[in-house]
Protein backbone atom coordinates (compact mmCIF):
# COMPACT_ATOMS: atom_id res chain seq x y z
CA MET A 1 -6.96 20.45 -12.85
CA SER A 2 -9.10 23.23 -11.98
CA THR A 3 -8.28 25.44 -8.89
CA ASP A 4 -12.23 25.84 -8.11
CA ALA A 5 -12.70 22.18 -7.63
CA ILE A 6 -9.74 22.19 -5.04
CA GLN A 7 -11.32 24.89 -3.25
CA ASN A 8 -14.69 23.43 -3.12
CA VAL A 9 -13.02 20.33 -1.20
CA ILE A 10 -11.41 23.10 1.09
CA GLY A 11 -14.76 24.93 2.05
CA ASP A 12 -16.61 21.34 2.60
CA PHE A 13 -13.75 20.68 5.00
CA GLU A 14 -13.76 23.67 6.94
CA SER A 15 -17.48 23.17 7.19
CA LEU A 16 -17.07 19.34 8.25
CA LYS A 17 -14.50 20.46 11.21
CA SER A 18 -17.29 22.15 13.23
CA SER A 19 -18.80 19.05 13.25
CA LYS A 20 -18.26 16.22 16.22
CA ASP A 21 -15.35 14.41 15.30
CA SER A 22 -12.99 12.21 17.16
CA GLU A 23 -10.12 14.29 18.29
CA TRP A 24 -7.24 11.56 17.43
CA PHE A 25 -8.50 11.34 14.18
CA SER A 26 -8.53 15.13 13.37
CA GLU A 27 -4.47 15.13 12.73
CA GLN A 28 -5.15 12.49 10.52
CA ARG A 29 -7.97 14.40 8.70
CA ARG A 30 -5.98 17.46 8.06
CA SER A 31 -2.61 15.85 6.90
CA ALA A 32 -5.00 13.64 4.41
CA LEU A 33 -6.35 17.14 3.19
CA ASP A 34 -2.95 18.40 2.67
CA SER A 35 -1.94 15.63 0.64
CA PHE A 36 -5.12 16.18 -1.33
CA LYS A 37 -4.27 19.58 -2.05
CA GLN A 38 -0.39 18.73 -3.15
CA ALA A 39 -1.59 16.25 -5.31
CA GLY A 40 -5.20 17.33 -6.44
CA PHE A 41 -7.28 15.31 -8.62
CA PRO A 42 -5.48 12.45 -10.79
CA SER A 43 -4.66 13.72 -14.50
CA THR A 44 -4.35 11.67 -17.74
CA ARG A 45 -0.67 12.53 -17.41
CA GLN A 46 -0.08 10.31 -14.62
CA GLU A 47 0.68 6.80 -15.86
CA ASN A 48 -1.76 5.20 -13.41
CA TRP A 49 -4.41 7.28 -14.84
CA LYS A 50 -3.47 7.67 -18.50
CA TYR A 51 -6.92 6.19 -19.86
CA THR A 52 -9.21 7.30 -17.27
CA ASP A 53 -10.46 11.08 -17.18
CA VAL A 54 -11.96 12.16 -13.71
CA LYS A 55 -12.41 15.84 -14.61
CA GLN A 56 -16.20 14.88 -14.62
CA ILE A 57 -16.21 14.21 -10.97
CA ALA A 58 -14.20 17.21 -10.14
CA ARG A 59 -16.26 19.65 -12.28
CA LYS A 60 -19.62 18.39 -10.59
CA GLY A 61 -18.62 19.93 -7.47
CA PHE A 62 -20.02 17.07 -5.20
CA SER A 63 -20.78 17.98 -1.93
CA ASN A 64 -18.43 16.24 0.53
CA THR A 65 -20.44 17.29 3.72
CA ARG A 66 -24.10 16.48 3.07
CA THR A 67 -25.49 12.78 2.90
CA GLY A 68 -28.32 11.07 4.33
CA GLN A 69 -31.22 12.85 3.05
CA ALA A 70 -32.95 10.02 1.80
CA LYS A 71 -34.66 6.53 2.90
CA ALA A 72 -34.93 3.46 1.33
CA SER A 73 -38.30 1.68 0.87
CA LYS A 74 -38.99 -1.67 1.98
CA GLU A 75 -39.54 -2.45 -2.01
CA GLU A 76 -36.16 -1.22 -2.58
CA LEU A 77 -34.92 -3.09 -0.07
CA GLU A 78 -36.08 -6.64 -0.95
CA GLN A 79 -34.65 -5.78 -4.64
CA VAL A 80 -31.32 -5.32 -3.31
CA ARG A 81 -30.97 -8.27 -0.58
CA PHE A 82 -29.62 -11.58 -1.55
CA LYS A 83 -32.64 -13.99 -1.53
CA ASP A 84 -32.37 -17.02 0.56
CA LEU A 85 -28.86 -15.59 2.27
CA ASN A 86 -28.83 -15.51 5.99
CA CYS A 87 -26.51 -12.73 6.86
CA ILE A 88 -25.44 -9.97 8.80
CA GLU A 89 -26.60 -6.86 7.10
CA LEU A 90 -25.20 -3.38 7.65
CA VAL A 91 -27.29 -0.81 5.04
CA PHE A 92 -26.42 2.81 4.29
CA VAL A 93 -28.51 4.96 2.09
CA ASN A 94 -26.89 8.14 0.43
CA GLY A 95 -23.54 7.23 2.13
CA ALA A 96 -25.28 7.72 5.75
CA TYR A 97 -25.66 4.51 8.10
CA SER A 98 -29.24 3.62 8.63
CA ASN A 99 -29.63 1.44 12.04
CA ASP A 100 -33.27 1.11 11.61
CA ILE A 101 -33.12 -1.21 8.59
CA SER A 102 -29.72 -3.06 9.48
CA HIS A 103 -29.28 -6.39 11.09
CA ILE A 104 -26.79 -6.89 13.39
CA SER A 105 -27.34 -9.67 15.87
CA ALA A 106 -25.93 -12.92 17.53
CA LEU A 107 -22.30 -12.35 17.12
CA PRO A 108 -19.77 -14.66 18.50
CA GLU A 109 -17.87 -13.52 21.53
CA GLY A 110 -15.47 -11.10 20.62
CA VAL A 111 -16.18 -10.28 17.32
CA VAL A 112 -17.10 -6.68 16.49
CA VAL A 113 -19.30 -5.40 13.43
CA CYS A 114 -20.43 -2.03 13.78
CA ASP A 115 -20.84 1.11 11.55
CA LEU A 116 -17.90 3.89 11.79
CA ALA A 117 -19.28 5.99 14.37
CA THR A 118 -20.05 3.52 16.64
CA ALA A 119 -16.38 2.09 15.81
CA PHE A 120 -15.06 5.73 16.94
CA ALA A 121 -17.20 5.95 20.27
CA LYS A 122 -16.37 2.56 21.23
CA HIS A 123 -13.75 0.80 19.53
CA LYS A 124 -11.09 3.78 19.31
CA ASP A 125 -8.36 1.46 20.09
CA LEU A 126 -9.29 -0.94 17.54
CA LEU A 127 -9.37 1.87 14.95
CA GLU A 128 -5.97 3.35 15.83
CA GLN A 129 -4.45 0.41 15.41
CA HIS A 130 -5.91 -0.86 12.36
CA ILE A 131 -7.03 2.11 10.39
CA LYS A 132 -4.28 3.21 7.65
CA THR A 133 -3.45 6.75 7.28
CA ASP A 134 -0.67 6.61 4.54
CA GLU A 135 -2.55 8.52 1.52
CA THR A 136 0.50 9.51 -0.58
CA THR A 137 -0.33 6.59 -2.99
CA SER A 138 -3.79 8.21 -4.07
CA SER A 139 -5.39 11.35 -4.02
CA PHE A 140 -8.79 9.79 -3.88
CA THR A 141 -7.39 8.06 -1.09
CA ALA A 142 -6.68 10.75 0.81
CA LEU A 143 -9.73 12.69 -0.15
CA ASN A 144 -11.77 9.48 1.49
CA THR A 145 -9.51 9.84 4.84
CA ALA A 146 -10.23 13.59 5.11
CA PHE A 147 -13.97 13.12 4.68
CA SER A 148 -14.88 9.80 6.02
CA GLN A 149 -17.31 9.71 8.39
CA HIS A 150 -19.39 6.38 7.39
CA GLY A 151 -18.36 2.85 6.82
CA VAL A 152 -17.87 -0.34 8.95
CA LEU A 153 -15.51 -1.56 11.32
CA ILE A 154 -15.32 -5.59 11.12
CA PHE A 155 -12.79 -7.38 13.71
CA VAL A 156 -13.05 -11.23 14.28
CA PRO A 157 -10.75 -12.46 16.98
CA SER A 158 -8.27 -15.27 16.55
CA ASN A 159 -9.47 -19.02 16.29
CA THR A 160 -13.14 -17.60 15.54
CA ARG A 161 -15.08 -18.37 12.12
CA LEU A 162 -18.41 -16.09 11.19
CA GLU A 163 -20.94 -18.58 10.03
CA ARG A 164 -23.01 -15.88 8.44
CA PRO A 165 -21.85 -13.42 5.58
CA ILE A 166 -21.80 -9.67 6.45
CA ASN A 167 -23.51 -7.90 3.85
CA LEU A 168 -22.85 -4.23 3.24
CA ILE A 169 -25.28 -2.50 1.42
CA PHE A 170 -24.74 0.90 -0.23
CA ILE A 171 -27.69 2.34 -1.54
CA GLY A 172 -27.53 5.62 -3.76
CA LYS A 173 -30.73 7.66 -4.63
CA GLU A 174 -31.65 10.99 -5.98
CA GLN A 175 -31.37 13.90 -3.77
CA SER A 176 -31.41 17.99 -4.26
CA ASP A 177 -27.95 18.22 -4.28
CA GLY A 178 -25.61 15.60 -5.64
CA TYR A 179 -23.26 14.31 -2.89
CA ALA A 180 -20.09 12.55 -2.33
CA ALA A 181 -20.03 9.13 -0.02
CA HIS A 182 -16.63 8.70 1.08
CA LEU A 183 -16.71 5.38 3.07
CA ARG A 184 -14.21 3.71 5.00
CA ASN A 185 -14.37 -0.28 5.67
CA ILE A 186 -11.99 -1.74 7.60
CA VAL A 187 -11.62 -5.35 8.05
CA VAL A 188 -9.38 -6.93 10.53
CA LEU A 189 -9.13 -11.18 10.90
CA GLU A 190 -6.89 -12.33 13.63
CA ASP A 191 -4.91 -15.50 13.53
CA SER A 192 -7.06 -18.50 12.07
CA ALA A 193 -9.97 -16.22 12.11
CA GLU A 194 -12.25 -16.41 8.78
CA ALA A 195 -15.12 -14.15 7.48
CA THR A 196 -17.04 -13.78 4.21
CA VAL A 197 -17.61 -10.00 3.57
CA ILE A 198 -19.93 -8.45 0.59
CA GLU A 199 -20.22 -5.24 -0.37
CA SER A 200 -23.07 -4.17 -2.72
CA TYR A 201 -23.02 -0.83 -4.18
CA ILE A 202 -26.49 -0.13 -6.10
CA GLY A 203 -28.10 3.04 -7.55
CA PHE A 204 -31.23 3.88 -7.90
CA ASP A 205 -33.60 6.49 -10.06
CA ASP A 206 -30.79 7.44 -12.33
CA ALA A 207 -29.38 9.51 -9.19
CA GLN A 208 -26.19 11.65 -9.59
CA TYR A 209 -23.79 11.30 -7.04
CA PHE A 210 -20.12 10.25 -6.41
CA THR A 211 -18.89 7.12 -4.22
CA ASN A 212 -15.47 7.01 -3.08
CA ALA A 213 -15.29 3.69 -1.02
CA VAL A 214 -11.88 2.32 0.62
CA THR A 215 -11.48 -0.87 2.40
CA ASP A 216 -8.65 -2.15 4.31
CA VAL A 217 -8.30 -5.64 5.28
CA THR A 218 -5.70 -7.18 7.30
CA LEU A 219 -5.24 -10.70 7.20
CA ASN A 220 -2.96 -12.48 10.09
CA GLN A 221 -1.76 -15.90 10.47
CA ASN A 222 -4.02 -18.53 8.71
CA ALA A 223 -6.74 -16.05 8.32
CA ARG A 224 -8.90 -16.57 5.62
CA CYS A 225 -11.46 -13.92 3.93
CA ILE A 226 -13.59 -14.06 1.10
CA HIS A 227 -14.45 -10.83 -0.26
CA TYR A 228 -17.32 -10.14 -2.84
CA LYS A 229 -17.98 -6.57 -4.52
CA LEU A 230 -20.94 -5.92 -6.69
CA GLN A 231 -20.87 -2.45 -8.05
CA GLN A 232 -24.25 -1.58 -9.51
CA GLU A 233 -24.30 1.97 -9.33
CA SER A 234 -26.83 4.25 -11.38
CA ASN A 235 -25.80 5.11 -14.95
CA SER A 236 -25.61 8.89 -13.82
CA SER A 237 -23.22 7.99 -11.06
CA TYR A 238 -19.43 8.19 -10.29
CA HIS A 239 -17.77 5.20 -8.40
CA ILE A 240 -13.92 4.98 -6.94
CA GLY A 241 -13.19 2.20 -5.15
CA ASN A 242 -9.61 0.79 -3.66
CA LEU A 243 -9.02 -2.38 -1.58
CA ARG A 244 -6.01 -2.74 -0.09
CA ALA A 245 -4.75 -5.78 1.70
CA GLU A 246 -2.02 -7.03 4.28
CA GLN A 247 -1.58 -10.78 3.98
CA GLY A 248 0.31 -12.50 6.99
CA LYS A 249 1.59 -16.28 7.11
CA ASP A 250 -0.23 -19.25 5.16
CA SER A 251 -3.67 -16.26 5.09
CA TYR A 252 -5.89 -16.50 2.22
CA LEU A 253 -7.94 -13.65 0.44
CA GLU A 254 -10.00 -14.32 -2.01
CA THR A 255 -11.71 -11.39 -4.29
CA HIS A 256 -14.73 -11.62 -6.78
CA SER A 257 -14.98 -8.15 -8.14
CA ILE A 258 -18.28 -7.66 -10.29
CA ALA A 259 -18.74 -4.16 -11.84
CA LEU A 260 -21.74 -3.37 -14.14
CA GLY A 261 -22.93 0.22 -13.45
CA ALA A 262 -21.76 3.88 -13.32
CA ALA A 263 -21.00 6.43 -15.90
CA LEU A 264 -17.59 6.29 -14.63
CA ALA A 265 -16.12 3.46 -12.20
CA ARG A 266 -12.72 2.84 -10.97
CA ASN A 267 -11.58 -0.48 -8.66
CA ASP A 268 -8.00 -0.84 -7.21
CA ILE A 269 -7.13 -3.40 -6.03
CA HIS A 270 -3.58 -3.63 -3.97
CA SER A 271 -2.51 -6.80 -1.88
CA GLN A 272 1.16 -6.91 0.38
CA LEU A 273 2.14 -10.81 0.53
CA ASN A 274 3.88 -9.97 3.68
CA ALA A 275 4.58 -13.73 4.79
CA VAL A 276 5.55 -17.27 3.36
CA GLY A 277 2.47 -19.39 2.52
CA ALA A 278 0.33 -16.05 1.64
CA ASN A 279 -2.10 -16.73 -0.96
CA ILE A 280 -4.54 -14.14 -3.05
CA VAL A 281 -6.96 -15.11 -5.75
CA LEU A 282 -8.23 -12.32 -7.90
CA ASN A 283 -11.47 -12.88 -10.10
CA GLY A 284 -13.37 -10.01 -12.00
CA LEU A 285 -15.97 -9.47 -14.39
CA TYR A 286 -16.86 -5.87 -15.90
CA MET A 287 -19.54 -5.33 -18.38
CA THR A 288 -19.88 -2.00 -20.12
CA LYS A 289 -22.48 -0.46 -22.46
CA ASP A 290 -23.60 2.90 -24.05
CA LYS A 291 -20.70 5.50 -23.06
CA GLN A 292 -19.31 3.50 -19.82
CA HIS A 293 -16.21 3.69 -18.87
CA ILE A 294 -14.75 1.21 -16.31
CA ASP A 295 -11.28 0.96 -15.05
CA ASN A 296 -9.72 -2.20 -13.06
CA HIS A 297 -6.25 -1.63 -11.77
CA THR A 298 -4.45 -4.40 -9.75
CA ARG A 299 -1.18 -5.18 -8.04
CA VAL A 300 0.22 -7.89 -6.18
CA ASP A 301 3.34 -7.65 -4.21
CA HIS A 302 5.17 -10.62 -3.58
CA LEU A 303 7.52 -9.61 -0.87
CA LYS A 304 8.32 -13.31 0.71
CA PRO A 305 9.17 -17.01 -0.73
CA HIS A 306 6.74 -19.58 -1.28
CA THR A 307 3.70 -17.19 -1.79
CA LEU A 308 0.96 -17.58 -4.57
CA SER A 309 -1.36 -15.13 -6.57
CA THR A 310 -3.87 -16.20 -9.21
CA GLU A 311 -5.98 -13.67 -11.28
CA ASN A 312 -8.73 -13.97 -13.79
CA TYR A 313 -10.51 -11.00 -15.01
CA ARG A 314 -13.08 -10.73 -18.04
CA GLY A 315 -14.43 -7.88 -19.62
CA VAL A 316 -17.76 -7.38 -22.04
CA LEU A 317 -18.02 -4.39 -23.73
CA ASN A 318 -20.98 -3.36 -26.31
CA ASP A 319 -21.98 -0.21 -27.65
CA ARG A 320 -19.12 3.08 -27.27
CA SER A 321 -18.51 2.00 -24.15
CA ARG A 322 -14.66 1.81 -22.98
CA ALA A 323 -12.68 -0.32 -20.47
CA VAL A 324 -9.36 -0.13 -18.77
CA PHE A 325 -7.41 -3.37 -17.22
CA ASN A 326 -4.00 -2.90 -15.86
CA GLY A 327 -2.82 -5.72 -13.61
CA LYS A 328 0.72 -5.75 -12.36
CA VAL A 329 2.54 -8.53 -10.08
CA ILE A 330 5.71 -7.48 -8.52
CA VAL A 331 8.49 -10.06 -7.28
CA HIS A 332 10.72 -8.88 -4.75
CA LYS A 333 13.72 -9.49 -4.06
CA ASP A 334 14.76 -12.91 -2.26
CA ALA A 335 10.99 -13.65 -2.95
CA GLN A 336 11.87 -16.88 -4.38
CA LYS A 337 9.47 -20.01 -5.45
CA ILE A 338 6.71 -17.79 -5.54
CA GLU A 339 3.81 -18.57 -7.97
CA ALA A 340 2.03 -15.71 -9.87
CA TYR A 341 -0.80 -16.22 -12.93
CA GLN A 342 -2.29 -13.31 -14.43
CA ASN A 343 -4.99 -13.29 -17.41
CA ASN A 344 -7.39 -10.62 -19.01
CA ALA A 345 -9.98 -11.77 -21.67
CA ASN A 346 -12.32 -9.73 -23.46
CA LEU A 347 -15.09 -9.75 -25.44
CA LEU A 348 -16.01 -6.53 -27.82
CA LEU A 349 -19.30 -6.65 -28.89
CA SER A 350 -19.08 -3.68 -30.97
CA ASP A 351 -16.72 -1.96 -33.73
CA ASP A 352 -17.05 0.96 -31.15
CA ALA A 353 -15.94 -0.54 -27.98
CA GLU A 354 -12.46 -0.16 -26.58
CA ILE A 355 -10.49 -1.94 -24.38
CA ASP A 356 -6.89 -0.81 -23.12
CA THR A 357 -5.31 -3.58 -21.55
CA LYS A 358 -1.81 -3.88 -19.63
CA PRO A 359 -0.90 -7.17 -17.74
CA GLU A 360 2.71 -6.47 -16.03
CA LEU A 361 5.01 -8.83 -14.42
CA GLU A 362 8.48 -7.19 -12.54
CA ILE A 363 10.58 -9.96 -11.07
CA TYR A 364 13.72 -9.26 -9.14
CA ALA A 365 13.99 -12.81 -8.08
CA ASP A 366 15.28 -15.87 -10.26
CA ASP A 367 13.56 -19.15 -8.96
CA VAL A 368 9.58 -18.26 -9.61
CA LYS A 369 6.91 -19.73 -11.69
CA CYS A 370 4.96 -16.82 -13.61
CA SER A 371 2.96 -16.06 -16.42
CA HIS A 372 0.40 -13.37 -17.84
CA GLY A 373 -1.60 -12.64 -20.64
CA ALA A 374 -4.45 -10.78 -22.30
CA THR A 375 -6.77 -11.19 -25.19
CA VAL A 376 -9.04 -9.10 -27.20
CA GLY A 377 -11.63 -10.44 -29.89
CA GLN A 378 -15.23 -10.96 -30.91
CA LEU A 379 -17.67 -14.08 -30.86
CA ASP A 380 -16.41 -17.30 -32.38
CA LYS A 381 -17.80 -17.62 -35.67
CA ASN A 382 -17.50 -21.10 -35.81
CA MET A 383 -19.56 -21.48 -32.44
CA LEU A 384 -22.20 -18.92 -34.07
CA PHE A 385 -22.40 -21.02 -36.92
CA TYR A 386 -22.71 -24.05 -34.60
CA LEU A 387 -25.86 -22.62 -32.77
CA ARG A 388 -27.65 -21.50 -35.79
CA SER A 389 -27.32 -24.46 -37.37
CA ARG A 390 -29.37 -25.83 -34.12
CA ALA A 391 -32.32 -23.77 -35.18
CA ILE A 392 -31.22 -20.75 -32.99
CA ASP A 393 -31.53 -17.54 -34.22
CA GLU A 394 -28.27 -14.99 -34.49
CA ASP A 395 -29.35 -12.76 -31.63
CA THR A 396 -29.76 -15.55 -29.24
CA ALA A 397 -26.83 -17.49 -30.11
CA ARG A 398 -24.81 -14.31 -29.59
CA SER A 399 -26.54 -14.00 -26.44
CA LEU A 400 -25.77 -17.21 -25.00
CA LEU A 401 -22.00 -17.46 -25.94
CA THR A 402 -21.39 -13.92 -24.29
CA PHE A 403 -23.25 -15.24 -21.29
CA ALA A 404 -20.80 -18.72 -21.48
CA PHE A 405 -17.83 -16.01 -21.59
CA ALA A 406 -18.81 -14.13 -18.49
CA GLU A 407 -19.92 -17.30 -16.66
CA GLU A 408 -16.27 -18.31 -16.74
CA VAL A 409 -16.22 -15.71 -13.60
CA ILE A 410 -19.58 -15.83 -12.06
CA SER A 411 -19.23 -19.75 -11.72
CA LYS A 412 -16.18 -19.52 -9.53
CA ILE A 413 -18.33 -17.41 -7.16
CA GLY A 414 -19.11 -19.79 -3.99
CA LEU A 415 -22.43 -18.24 -2.68
CA ALA A 416 -25.45 -19.48 -4.75
CA PRO A 417 -27.22 -16.44 -3.81
CA ILE A 418 -24.99 -13.98 -5.07
CA ARG A 419 -23.98 -16.61 -8.17
CA ASP A 420 -27.80 -16.53 -8.76
CA ARG A 421 -28.24 -12.76 -8.66
CA LEU A 422 -25.14 -11.89 -11.20
CA GLU A 423 -26.57 -14.46 -13.40
CA TYR A 424 -29.55 -12.43 -13.72
CA LEU A 425 -28.28 -9.30 -14.07
CA VAL A 426 -25.86 -10.47 -16.70
CA VAL A 427 -28.45 -12.20 -18.64
CA GLY A 428 -30.60 -9.05 -18.40
CA GLN A 429 -28.09 -7.16 -20.24
CA LEU A 430 -28.45 -9.68 -23.20
CA PRO A 431 -31.08 -9.79 -26.24
CA ASP A 432 -33.83 -12.49 -25.85
CA ALA A 433 -33.04 -12.54 -22.20
CA ASP A 434 -36.33 -14.45 -20.82
CA LEU A 435 -35.20 -17.18 -23.66
CA ILE A 436 -31.62 -17.20 -22.29
CA ARG A 437 -32.69 -17.47 -18.99
CA GLU A 438 -34.72 -20.67 -20.11
CA PHE A 439 -31.67 -22.19 -21.73
CA THR A 440 -29.36 -21.57 -18.66
CA ASN A 441 -31.97 -23.00 -16.40
CA GLU A 442 -32.44 -26.18 -17.79
């Protein structure tokens, strides 16, 4: 990778040092920058990045220090908010927190929901305890630690259930210089705590920017977290996302990852099932068109007996787009009587679309139930014929079958406002969208 790109990052870091910073975190920032300088941007020579070339991100020279030069209008906010969803809402515009358009109120006793700057000032002890600073596994995560100034801290104490979802809205808009938003979100649920967290990444104006987001989730005994991520960045933007989870005894994590936008996007999910009874469900949908590139990498470590993971990802690819799926499940030694199921199904709508799929199992225990599989295909000709025989034209028939394929993932979303929004967005990418909506709403 070009040394100019590395020097651009170093120069930005020196500028950042002159700004106000929490002293206790300065050492972590410097250590993360050193890790990044040593590793550089990942290249296709690395196995985990074999099919995803990030040279475009490095060459663009996105500014790592200048954010927040734009504001979201009332009309734009109405577009990104979920209709009829009563939620706690934190809004970020071009990487910077916007307090005046966020809504945080009526939190149960002991619950902390605040932006990262407030957390540095008022909840230093929580951050020191829960922020992860081992950045050796990913140079983008190291970059995030070195530059993260904005993000969210969510802390739910024991035996507390948050009735309202927490909606994190990250809006990208055009500004004079391309910016990089390094967002760090920290979610901590103590024993028997429950919360629902939504991350929405939405771009306007075909803006060109770079989002580098890291979300760390810690679930203690019996904690339960439902996590949604909607990636709908601008078509000229770049998105790297990393969700890292540590799960305690009998904890439950359910993730729904929907990727529709960005010129290039990469989503990593890594969960460590650290105690008996830990359970994770991973649902994902990615839809690509034009020359989009979307990469999904998941990893689940079964470290203790009687843990469970279930994974279902689906992709719909059109035009000359490309997608990558790599799902790895590792059953560690003595992690007996675990169950792990993984499936990746892909629908190619164009002869020029391409998918690289690689489900993996590494098993070092002998009393387990594990399965994995991947399929790549086109629309079923028999089903097309059936719909055509019912006086449905070919384009509409293809759209209906494509929607039904995607609906397998969308239907698993528990919150109706999110499910309705996604159905609307998915149908909007298909021919005869209005007619399809008539069919699906009957």
